Amino acid sequence: VDFLDFRLIHFAVFNLADMFINVGMVCLLIAWFWNQ
């Protein structure tokens, strides 16, 4: 089930799970750079 629809940039419709996966990846990148 997808429902978040950003039409201004014609992005694919997505959901909070997709958003959290991407936020998680950003957090891991921060951790990686922080621990360098």
PDB file of all heavy atoms in Angstrom:
ATOM      1  N   VAL A   1       0.851  -1.185   0.000  1.00  0.00           N
ATOM      2  CA  VAL A   1       0.000   0.000   0.000  1.00  0.00           C
ATOM      3  C   VAL A   1       0.893   1.243   0.000  1.00  0.00           C
ATOM      4  O   VAL A   1       1.734   1.417   0.876  1.00  0.00           O
ATOM      5  CB  VAL A   1      -0.930   0.019   1.234  1.00  0.00           C
ATOM      6  CG1 VAL A   1      -1.709   1.328   1.322  1.00  0.00           C
ATOM      7  CG2 VAL A   1      -1.870  -1.178   1.210  1.00  0.00           C
ATOM      8  N   ASP A   2       0.715   2.102  -1.003  1.00  0.00           N
ATOM      9  CA  ASP A   2       1.429   3.373  -1.100  1.00  0.00           C
ATOM     10  C   ASP A   2       0.413   4.504  -1.084  1.00  0.00           C
ATOM     11  O   ASP A   2      -0.720   4.331  -1.536  1.00  0.00           O
ATOM     12  CB  ASP A   2       2.237   3.442  -2.402  1.00  0.00           C
ATOM     13  CG  ASP A   2       3.464   2.542  -2.389  1.00  0.00           C
ATOM     14  OD1 ASP A   2       4.005   2.293  -1.303  1.00  0.00           O
ATOM     15  OD2 ASP A   2       3.875   2.106  -3.474  1.00  0.00           O
ATOM     16  N   PHE A   3       0.825   5.677  -0.598  1.00  0.00           N
ATOM     17  CA  PHE A   3      -0.132   6.783  -0.548  1.00  0.00           C
ATOM     18  C   PHE A   3       0.500   8.179  -0.525  1.00  0.00           C
ATOM     19  O   PHE A   3      -0.191   9.169  -0.722  1.00  0.00           O
ATOM     20  CB  PHE A   3      -1.068   6.645   0.659  1.00  0.00           C
ATOM     21  CG  PHE A   3      -0.361   6.639   1.982  1.00  0.00           C
ATOM     22  CD1 PHE A   3      -0.197   7.815   2.701  1.00  0.00           C
ATOM     23  CD2 PHE A   3       0.142   5.462   2.495  1.00  0.00           C
ATOM     24  CE1 PHE A   3       0.466   7.804   3.915  1.00  0.00           C
ATOM     25  CE2 PHE A   3       0.804   5.446   3.705  1.00  0.00           C
ATOM     26  CZ  PHE A   3       0.963   6.625   4.421  1.00  0.00           C
ATOM     27  N   LEU A   4       1.787   8.311  -0.278  1.00  0.00           N
ATOM     28  CA  LEU A   4       2.424   9.628  -0.244  1.00  0.00           C
ATOM     29  C   LEU A   4       2.791  10.016  -1.672  1.00  0.00           C
ATOM     30  O   LEU A   4       3.609   9.359  -2.315  1.00  0.00           O
ATOM     31  CB  LEU A   4       3.656   9.608   0.657  1.00  0.00           C
ATOM     32  CG  LEU A   4       3.378   9.274   2.126  1.00  0.00           C
ATOM     33  CD1 LEU A   4       4.678   9.089   2.884  1.00  0.00           C
ATOM     34  CD2 LEU A   4       2.517  10.335   2.775  1.00  0.00           C
ATOM     35  N   ASP A   5       2.182  11.071  -2.160  1.00  0.00           N
ATOM     36  CA  ASP A   5       2.254  11.423  -3.574  1.00  0.00           C
ATOM     37  C   ASP A   5       2.752  12.858  -3.731  1.00  0.00           C
ATOM     38  O   ASP A   5       1.987  13.812  -3.610  1.00  0.00           O
ATOM     39  CB  ASP A   5       0.852  11.264  -4.176  1.00  0.00           C
ATOM     40  CG  ASP A   5       0.782  11.476  -5.669  1.00  0.00           C
ATOM     41  OD1 ASP A   5       1.829  11.697  -6.309  1.00  0.00           O
ATOM     42  OD2 ASP A   5      -0.347  11.423  -6.199  1.00  0.00           O
ATOM     43  N   PHE A   6       4.069  13.015  -3.998  1.00  0.00           N
ATOM     44  CA  PHE A   6       4.659  14.331  -4.235  1.00  0.00           C
ATOM     45  C   PHE A   6       4.600  14.631  -5.724  1.00  0.00           C
ATOM     46  O   PHE A   6       5.436  14.170  -6.489  1.00  0.00           O
ATOM     47  CB  PHE A   6       6.107  14.381  -3.728  1.00  0.00           C
ATOM     48  CG  PHE A   6       6.200  14.498  -2.244  1.00  0.00           C
ATOM     49  CD1 PHE A   6       6.359  13.370  -1.451  1.00  0.00           C
ATOM     50  CD2 PHE A   6       6.111  15.742  -1.632  1.00  0.00           C
ATOM     51  CE1 PHE A   6       6.435  13.470  -0.079  1.00  0.00           C
ATOM     52  CE2 PHE A   6       6.190  15.854  -0.261  1.00  0.00           C
ATOM     53  CZ  PHE A   6       6.352  14.722   0.521  1.00  0.00           C
ATOM     54  N   ARG A   7       3.623  15.401  -6.112  1.00  0.00           N
ATOM     55  CA  ARG A   7       3.398  15.671  -7.531  1.00  0.00           C
ATOM     56  C   ARG A   7       4.272  16.790  -8.071  1.00  0.00           C
ATOM     57  O   ARG A   7       4.469  16.876  -9.279  1.00  0.00           O
ATOM     58  CB  ARG A   7       1.929  15.994  -7.760  1.00  0.00           C
ATOM     59  CG  ARG A   7       1.062  14.787  -7.492  1.00  0.00           C
ATOM     60  CD  ARG A   7      -0.366  15.038  -7.778  1.00  0.00           C
ATOM     61  NE  ARG A   7      -1.106  13.792  -7.577  1.00  0.00           N
ATOM     62  CZ  ARG A   7      -2.355  13.639  -7.922  1.00  0.00           C
ATOM     63  NH1 ARG A   7      -3.025  14.626  -8.469  1.00  0.00           N
ATOM     64  NH2 ARG A   7      -2.951  12.486  -7.704  1.00  0.00           N
ATOM     65  N   LEU A   8       4.766  17.650  -7.212  1.00  0.00           N
ATOM     66  CA  LEU A   8       5.580  18.768  -7.670  1.00  0.00           C
ATOM     67  C   LEU A   8       6.808  18.277  -8.432  1.00  0.00           C
ATOM     68  O   LEU A   8       7.207  18.864  -9.426  1.00  0.00           O
ATOM     69  CB  LEU A   8       6.008  19.635  -6.482  1.00  0.00           C
ATOM     70  CG  LEU A   8       6.821  20.875  -6.822  1.00  0.00           C
ATOM     71  CD1 LEU A   8       5.972  21.863  -7.620  1.00  0.00           C
ATOM     72  CD2 LEU A   8       7.339  21.533  -5.556  1.00  0.00           C
ATOM     73  N   ILE A   9       7.384  17.173  -7.968  1.00  0.00           N
ATOM     74  CA  ILE A   9       8.578  16.631  -8.615  1.00  0.00           C
ATOM     75  C   ILE A   9       8.290  15.340  -9.380  1.00  0.00           C
ATOM     76  O   ILE A   9       9.190  14.656  -9.808  1.00  0.00           O
ATOM     77  CB  ILE A   9       9.706  16.398  -7.580  1.00  0.00           C
ATOM     78  CG1 ILE A   9       9.238  15.458  -6.463  1.00  0.00           C
ATOM     79  CG2 ILE A   9      10.208  17.705  -7.019  1.00  0.00           C
ATOM     80  CD1 ILE A   9      10.322  15.057  -5.494  1.00  0.00           C
ATOM     81  N   HIS A  10       7.008  14.989  -9.518  1.00  0.00           N
ATOM     82  CA  HIS A  10       6.589  13.790 -10.247  1.00  0.00           C
ATOM     83  C   HIS A  10       7.320  12.545  -9.734  1.00  0.00           C
ATOM     84  O   HIS A  10       7.877  11.764 -10.512  1.00  0.00           O
ATOM     85  CB  HIS A  10       6.791  13.955 -11.756  1.00  0.00           C
ATOM     86  CG  HIS A  10       6.055  15.121 -12.307  1.00  0.00           C
ATOM     87  ND1 HIS A  10       4.688  15.134 -12.436  1.00  0.00           N
ATOM     88  CD2 HIS A  10       6.486  16.332 -12.735  1.00  0.00           C
ATOM     89  CE1 HIS A  10       4.314  16.297 -12.933  1.00  0.00           C
ATOM     90  NE2 HIS A  10       5.384  17.044 -13.123  1.00  0.00           N
ATOM     91  N   PHE A  11       7.329  12.397  -8.424  1.00  0.00           N
ATOM     92  CA  PHE A  11       7.998  11.268  -7.787  1.00  0.00           C
ATOM     93  C   PHE A  11       7.026  10.104  -7.671  1.00  0.00           C
ATOM     94  O   PHE A  11       5.812  10.290  -7.651  1.00  0.00           O
ATOM     95  CB  PHE A  11       8.490  11.697  -6.395  1.00  0.00           C
ATOM     96  CG  PHE A  11       9.539  10.810  -5.821  1.00  0.00           C
ATOM     97  CD1 PHE A  11      10.833  10.831  -6.298  1.00  0.00           C
ATOM     98  CD2 PHE A  11       9.228   9.927  -4.799  1.00  0.00           C
ATOM     99  CE1 PHE A  11      11.802  10.005  -5.787  1.00  0.00           C
ATOM    100  CE2 PHE A  11      10.190   9.096  -4.266  1.00  0.00           C
ATOM    101  CZ  PHE A  11      11.481   9.131  -4.760  1.00  0.00           C
ATOM    102  N   ALA A  12       7.537   8.892  -7.567  1.00  0.00           N
ATOM    103  CA  ALA A  12       6.695   7.712  -7.395  1.00  0.00           C
ATOM    104  C   ALA A  12       5.937   7.813  -6.072  1.00  0.00           C
ATOM    105  O   ALA A  12       6.448   8.335  -5.079  1.00  0.00           O
ATOM    106  CB  ALA A  12       7.552   6.453  -7.401  1.00  0.00           C
ATOM    107  N   VAL A  13       4.717   7.305  -6.046  1.00  0.00           N
ATOM    108  CA  VAL A  13       3.931   7.263  -4.813  1.00  0.00           C
ATOM    109  C   VAL A  13       4.593   6.240  -3.890  1.00  0.00           C
ATOM    110  O   VAL A  13       5.005   5.164  -4.336  1.00  0.00           O
ATOM    111  CB  VAL A  13       2.467   6.888  -5.114  1.00  0.00           C
ATOM    112  CG1 VAL A  13       1.637   6.833  -3.837  1.00  0.00           C
ATOM    113  CG2 VAL A  13       1.857   7.876  -6.106  1.00  0.00           C
ATOM    114  N   PHE A  14       4.725   6.575  -2.609  1.00  0.00           N
ATOM    115  CA  PHE A  14       5.408   5.699  -1.663  1.00  0.00           C
ATOM    116  C   PHE A  14       4.686   5.711  -0.322  1.00  0.00           C
ATOM    117  O   PHE A  14       3.585   6.256  -0.210  1.00  0.00           O
ATOM    118  CB  PHE A  14       6.882   6.095  -1.526  1.00  0.00           C
ATOM    119  CG  PHE A  14       7.117   7.499  -1.027  1.00  0.00           C
ATOM    120  CD1 PHE A  14       7.462   7.735   0.295  1.00  0.00           C
ATOM    121  CD2 PHE A  14       7.009   8.591  -1.879  1.00  0.00           C
ATOM    122  CE1 PHE A  14       7.686   9.023   0.759  1.00  0.00           C
ATOM    123  CE2 PHE A  14       7.234   9.873  -1.431  1.00  0.00           C
ATOM    124  CZ  PHE A  14       7.566  10.096  -0.103  1.00  0.00           C
ATOM    125  N   ASN A  15       5.265   5.084   0.694  1.00  0.00           N
ATOM    126  CA  ASN A  15       4.626   4.985   2.006  1.00  0.00           C
ATOM    127  C   ASN A  15       5.641   5.301   3.101  1.00  0.00           C
ATOM    128  O   ASN A  15       6.811   5.572   2.823  1.00  0.00           O
ATOM    129  CB  ASN A  15       3.991   3.605   2.188  1.00  0.00           C
ATOM    130  CG  ASN A  15       4.998   2.487   2.043  1.00  0.00           C
ATOM    131  OD1 ASN A  15       6.091   2.532   2.599  1.00  0.00           O
ATOM    132  ND2 ASN A  15       4.636   1.466   1.278  1.00  0.00           N
ATOM    133  N   LEU A  16       5.190   5.254   4.354  1.00  0.00           N
ATOM    134  CA  LEU A  16       6.093   5.563   5.459  1.00  0.00           C
ATOM    135  C   LEU A  16       7.202   4.527   5.600  1.00  0.00           C
ATOM    136  O   LEU A  16       8.318   4.868   5.989  1.00  0.00           O
ATOM    137  CB  LEU A  16       5.320   5.694   6.770  1.00  0.00           C
ATOM    138  CG  LEU A  16       4.460   6.940   6.924  1.00  0.00           C
ATOM    139  CD1 LEU A  16       3.828   6.988   8.319  1.00  0.00           C
ATOM    140  CD2 LEU A  16       5.237   8.207   6.674  1.00  0.00           C
ATOM    141  N   ALA A  17       6.928   3.261   5.291  1.00  0.00           N
ATOM    142  CA  ALA A  17       7.979   2.240   5.372  1.00  0.00           C
ATOM    143  C   ALA A  17       9.128   2.601   4.434  1.00  0.00           C
ATOM    144  O   ALA A  17      10.302   2.525   4.820  1.00  0.00           O
ATOM    145  CB  ALA A  17       7.418   0.864   5.020  1.00  0.00           C
ATOM    146  N   ASP A  18       8.801   3.017   3.220  1.00  0.00           N
ATOM    147  CA  ASP A  18       9.835   3.439   2.265  1.00  0.00           C
ATOM    148  C   ASP A  18      10.619   4.625   2.812  1.00  0.00           C
ATOM    149  O   ASP A  18      11.844   4.679   2.705  1.00  0.00           O
ATOM    150  CB  ASP A  18       9.199   3.840   0.933  1.00  0.00           C
ATOM    151  CG  ASP A  18       8.412   2.724   0.280  1.00  0.00           C
ATOM    152  OD1 ASP A  18       8.759   1.548   0.485  1.00  0.00           O
ATOM    153  OD2 ASP A  18       7.438   3.033  -0.431  1.00  0.00           O
ATOM    154  N   MET A  19       9.887   5.580   3.396  1.00  0.00           N
ATOM    155  CA  MET A  19      10.535   6.757   3.957  1.00  0.00           C
ATOM    156  C   MET A  19      11.478   6.369   5.098  1.00  0.00           C
ATOM    157  O   MET A  19      12.614   6.830   5.155  1.00  0.00           O
ATOM    158  CB  MET A  19       9.482   7.741   4.469  1.00  0.00           C
ATOM    159  CG  MET A  19      10.063   9.050   4.956  1.00  0.00           C
ATOM    160  SD  MET A  19       8.827  10.086   5.723  1.00  0.00           S
ATOM    161  CE  MET A  19       8.568   9.213   7.252  1.00  0.00           C
ATOM    162  N   PHE A  20      11.016   5.472   5.978  1.00  0.00           N
ATOM    163  CA  PHE A  20      11.864   5.059   7.104  1.00  0.00           C
ATOM    164  C   PHE A  20      13.101   4.299   6.632  1.00  0.00           C
ATOM    165  O   PHE A  20      14.179   4.441   7.217  1.00  0.00           O
ATOM    166  CB  PHE A  20      11.075   4.229   8.115  1.00  0.00           C
ATOM    167  CG  PHE A  20      10.180   5.066   8.986  1.00  0.00           C
ATOM    168  CD1 PHE A  20       8.820   4.841   9.017  1.00  0.00           C
ATOM    169  CD2 PHE A  20      10.699   6.075   9.782  1.00  0.00           C
ATOM    170  CE1 PHE A  20       7.994   5.612   9.824  1.00  0.00           C
ATOM    171  CE2 PHE A  20       9.889   6.852  10.590  1.00  0.00           C
ATOM    172  CZ  PHE A  20       8.520   6.617  10.613  1.00  0.00           C
ATOM    173  N   ILE A  21      12.978   3.498   5.592  1.00  0.00           N
ATOM    174  CA  ILE A  21      14.142   2.798   5.053  1.00  0.00           C
ATOM    175  C   ILE A  21      15.177   3.819   4.566  1.00  0.00           C
ATOM    176  O   ILE A  21      16.374   3.688   4.847  1.00  0.00           O
ATOM    177  CB  ILE A  21      13.730   1.827   3.928  1.00  0.00           C
ATOM    178  CG1 ILE A  21      12.959   0.637   4.528  1.00  0.00           C
ATOM    179  CG2 ILE A  21      14.945   1.352   3.128  1.00  0.00           C
ATOM    180  CD1 ILE A  21      12.259  -0.238   3.507  1.00  0.00           C
ATOM    181  N   ASN A  22      14.724   4.842   3.884  1.00  0.00           N
ATOM    182  CA  ASN A  22      15.647   5.873   3.400  1.00  0.00           C
ATOM    183  C   ASN A  22      16.240   6.696   4.536  1.00  0.00           C
ATOM    184  O   ASN A  22      17.432   7.013   4.521  1.00  0.00           O
ATOM    185  CB  ASN A  22      14.951   6.765   2.374  1.00  0.00           C
ATOM    186  CG  ASN A  22      14.809   6.062   1.045  1.00  0.00           C
ATOM    187  OD1 ASN A  22      15.783   5.882   0.342  1.00  0.00           O
ATOM    188  ND2 ASN A  22      13.605   5.640   0.733  1.00  0.00           N
ATOM    189  N   VAL A  23      15.439   7.041   5.533  1.00  0.00           N
ATOM    190  CA  VAL A  23      15.958   7.757   6.702  1.00  0.00           C
ATOM    191  C   VAL A  23      16.999   6.891   7.412  1.00  0.00           C
ATOM    192  O   VAL A  23      18.048   7.376   7.836  1.00  0.00           O
ATOM    193  CB  VAL A  23      14.812   8.160   7.656  1.00  0.00           C
ATOM    194  CG1 VAL A  23      15.334   8.623   9.010  1.00  0.00           C
ATOM    195  CG2 VAL A  23      13.947   9.246   7.020  1.00  0.00           C
ATOM    196  N   GLY A  24      16.731   5.592   7.500  1.00  0.00           N
ATOM    197  CA  GLY A  24      17.690   4.673   8.111  1.00  0.00           C
ATOM    198  C   GLY A  24      19.010   4.641   7.361  1.00  0.00           C
ATOM    199  O   GLY A  24      20.085   4.616   7.967  1.00  0.00           O
ATOM    200  N   MET A  25      18.938   4.670   6.047  1.00  0.00           N
ATOM    201  CA  MET A  25      20.172   4.676   5.250  1.00  0.00           C
ATOM    202  C   MET A  25      20.959   5.961   5.478  1.00  0.00           C
ATOM    203  O   MET A  25      22.189   5.929   5.579  1.00  0.00           O
ATOM    204  CB  MET A  25      19.834   4.478   3.773  1.00  0.00           C
ATOM    205  CG  MET A  25      19.255   3.107   3.495  1.00  0.00           C
ATOM    206  SD  MET A  25      18.515   2.970   1.874  1.00  0.00           S
ATOM    207  CE  MET A  25      19.897   2.360   0.954  1.00  0.00           C
ATOM    208  N   VAL A  26      20.271   7.086   5.600  1.00  0.00           N
ATOM    209  CA  VAL A  26      20.944   8.349   5.897  1.00  0.00           C
ATOM    210  C   VAL A  26      21.604   8.279   7.273  1.00  0.00           C
ATOM    211  O   VAL A  26      22.755   8.712   7.446  1.00  0.00           O
ATOM    212  CB  VAL A  26      19.956   9.540   5.800  1.00  0.00           C
ATOM    213  CG1 VAL A  26      20.572  10.815   6.371  1.00  0.00           C
ATOM    214  CG2 VAL A  26      19.518   9.749   4.357  1.00  0.00           C
ATOM    215  N   CYS A  27      20.912   7.716   8.251  1.00  0.00           N
ATOM    216  CA  CYS A  27      21.494   7.555   9.590  1.00  0.00           C
ATOM    217  C   CYS A  27      22.763   6.702   9.543  1.00  0.00           C
ATOM    218  O   CYS A  27      23.756   7.019  10.213  1.00  0.00           O
ATOM    219  CB  CYS A  27      20.485   6.927  10.554  1.00  0.00           C
ATOM    220  SG  CYS A  27      19.106   7.992  10.998  1.00  0.00           S
ATOM    221  N   LEU A  28      22.744   5.629   8.759  1.00  0.00           N
ATOM    222  CA  LEU A  28      23.930   4.780   8.648  1.00  0.00           C
ATOM    223  C   LEU A  28      25.071   5.513   7.949  1.00  0.00           C
ATOM    224  O   LEU A  28      26.242   5.335   8.329  1.00  0.00           O
ATOM    225  CB  LEU A  28      23.598   3.481   7.910  1.00  0.00           C
ATOM    226  CG  LEU A  28      22.706   2.511   8.672  1.00  0.00           C
ATOM    227  CD1 LEU A  28      22.393   1.283   7.813  1.00  0.00           C
ATOM    228  CD2 LEU A  28      23.339   2.089   9.994  1.00  0.00           C
ATOM    229  N   LEU A  29      24.761   6.345   6.968  1.00  0.00           N
ATOM    230  CA  LEU A  29      25.810   7.158   6.330  1.00  0.00           C
ATOM    231  C   LEU A  29      26.408   8.147   7.328  1.00  0.00           C
ATOM    232  O   LEU A  29      27.633   8.335   7.364  1.00  0.00           O
ATOM    233  CB  LEU A  29      25.247   7.911   5.122  1.00  0.00           C
ATOM    234  CG  LEU A  29      25.018   7.078   3.870  1.00  0.00           C
ATOM    235  CD1 LEU A  29      24.280   7.894   2.811  1.00  0.00           C
ATOM    236  CD2 LEU A  29      26.339   6.558   3.323  1.00  0.00           C
ATOM    237  N   ILE A  30      25.567   8.761   8.141  1.00  0.00           N
ATOM    238  CA  ILE A  30      26.068   9.677   9.177  1.00  0.00           C
ATOM    239  C   ILE A  30      26.974   8.921  10.137  1.00  0.00           C
ATOM    240  O   ILE A  30      28.064   9.389  10.486  1.00  0.00           O
ATOM    241  CB  ILE A  30      24.895  10.349   9.924  1.00  0.00           C
ATOM    242  CG1 ILE A  30      24.179  11.333   8.990  1.00  0.00           C
ATOM    243  CG2 ILE A  30      25.388  11.058  11.189  1.00  0.00           C
ATOM    244  CD1 ILE A  30      22.859  11.856   9.521  1.00  0.00           C
ATOM    245  N   ALA A  31      26.541   7.729  10.563  1.00  0.00           N
ATOM    246  CA  ALA A  31      27.362   6.919  11.474  1.00  0.00           C
ATOM    247  C   ALA A  31      28.698   6.572  10.839  1.00  0.00           C
ATOM    248  O   ALA A  31      29.744   6.638  11.488  1.00  0.00           O
ATOM    249  CB  ALA A  31      26.611   5.640  11.858  1.00  0.00           C
ATOM    250  N   TRP A  32      28.659   6.218   9.565  1.00  0.00           N
ATOM    251  CA  TRP A  32      29.885   5.838   8.871  1.00  0.00           C
ATOM    252  C   TRP A  32      30.847   7.015   8.782  1.00  0.00           C
ATOM    253  O   TRP A  32      32.029   6.889   9.084  1.00  0.00           O
ATOM    254  CB  TRP A  32      29.550   5.291   7.484  1.00  0.00           C
ATOM    255  CG  TRP A  32      30.740   4.740   6.781  1.00  0.00           C
ATOM    256  CD1 TRP A  32      31.361   3.554   7.032  1.00  0.00           C
ATOM    257  CD2 TRP A  32      31.458   5.356   5.718  1.00  0.00           C
ATOM    258  NE1 TRP A  32      32.424   3.386   6.180  1.00  0.00           N
ATOM    259  CE2 TRP A  32      32.506   4.486   5.362  1.00  0.00           C
ATOM    260  CE3 TRP A  32      31.316   6.548   5.021  1.00  0.00           C
ATOM    261  CZ2 TRP A  32      33.406   4.770   4.348  1.00  0.00           C
ATOM    262  CZ3 TRP A  32      32.209   6.833   4.015  1.00  0.00           C
ATOM    263  CH2 TRP A  32      33.245   5.957   3.686  1.00  0.00           C
ATOM    264  N   PHE A  33      30.341   8.176   8.372  1.00  0.00           N
ATOM    265  CA  PHE A  33      31.200   9.359   8.272  1.00  0.00           C
ATOM    266  C   PHE A  33      31.661   9.829   9.651  1.00  0.00           C
ATOM    267  O   PHE A  33      32.786  10.274   9.815  1.00  0.00           O
ATOM    268  CB  PHE A  33      30.497  10.506   7.533  1.00  0.00           C
ATOM    269  CG  PHE A  33      30.474  10.301   6.046  1.00  0.00           C
ATOM    270  CD1 PHE A  33      29.280  10.075   5.379  1.00  0.00           C
ATOM    271  CD2 PHE A  33      31.645  10.313   5.303  1.00  0.00           C
ATOM    272  CE1 PHE A  33      29.255   9.885   4.014  1.00  0.00           C
ATOM    273  CE2 PHE A  33      31.635  10.119   3.929  1.00  0.00           C
ATOM    274  CZ  PHE A  33      30.432   9.906   3.285  1.00  0.00           C
ATOM    275  N   TRP A  34      30.792   9.727  10.631  1.00  0.00           N
ATOM    276  CA  TRP A  34      31.120  10.158  11.992  1.00  0.00           C
ATOM    277  C   TRP A  34      32.251   9.312  12.579  1.00  0.00           C
ATOM    278  O   TRP A  34      33.094   9.811  13.306  1.00  0.00           O
ATOM    279  CB  TRP A  34      29.872  10.046  12.862  1.00  0.00           C
ATOM    280  CG  TRP A  34      30.022  10.654  14.211  1.00  0.00           C
ATOM    281  CD1 TRP A  34      30.533  10.054  15.332  1.00  0.00           C
ATOM    282  CD2 TRP A  34      29.673  11.971  14.603  1.00  0.00           C
ATOM    283  NE1 TRP A  34      30.500  10.915  16.389  1.00  0.00           N
ATOM    284  CE2 TRP A  34      29.978  12.119  15.963  1.00  0.00           C
ATOM    285  CE3 TRP A  34      29.115  13.059  13.928  1.00  0.00           C
ATOM    286  CZ2 TRP A  34      29.764  13.284  16.662  1.00  0.00           C
ATOM    287  CZ3 TRP A  34      28.887  14.213  14.624  1.00  0.00           C
ATOM    288  CH2 TRP A  34      29.220  14.316  15.973  1.00  0.00           C
ATOM    289  N   ASN A  35      32.243   8.032  12.246  1.00  0.00           N
ATOM    290  CA  ASN A  35      33.222   7.104  12.818  1.00  0.00           C
ATOM    291  C   ASN A  35      34.492   6.968  11.983  1.00  0.00           C
ATOM    292  O   ASN A  35      35.350   6.152  12.305  1.00  0.00           O
ATOM    293  CB  ASN A  35      32.592   5.727  13.024  1.00  0.00           C
ATOM    294  CG  ASN A  35      31.545   5.756  14.109  1.00  0.00           C
ATOM    295  OD1 ASN A  35      31.677   6.474  15.095  1.00  0.00           O
ATOM    296  ND2 ASN A  35      30.485   4.991  13.926  1.00  0.00           N
ATOM    297  N   GLN A  36      34.608   7.736  10.905  1.00  0.00           N
ATOM    298  CA  GLN A  36      35.822   7.683  10.093  1.00  0.00           C
ATOM    299  C   GLN A  36      36.982   8.296  10.869  1.00  0.00           C
ATOM    300  O   GLN A  36      36.820   9.315  11.540  1.00  0.00           O
ATOM    301  CB  GLN A  36      35.623   8.453   8.781  1.00  0.00           C
ATOM    302  CG  GLN A  36      34.714   7.751   7.804  1.00  0.00           C
ATOM    303  CD  GLN A  36      35.285   6.429   7.372  1.00  0.00           C
ATOM    304  OE1 GLN A  36      36.392   6.339   6.881  1.00  0.00           O
ATOM    305  NE2 GLN A  36      34.501   5.386   7.556  1.00  0.00           N
TER     306      GLN A  36
END
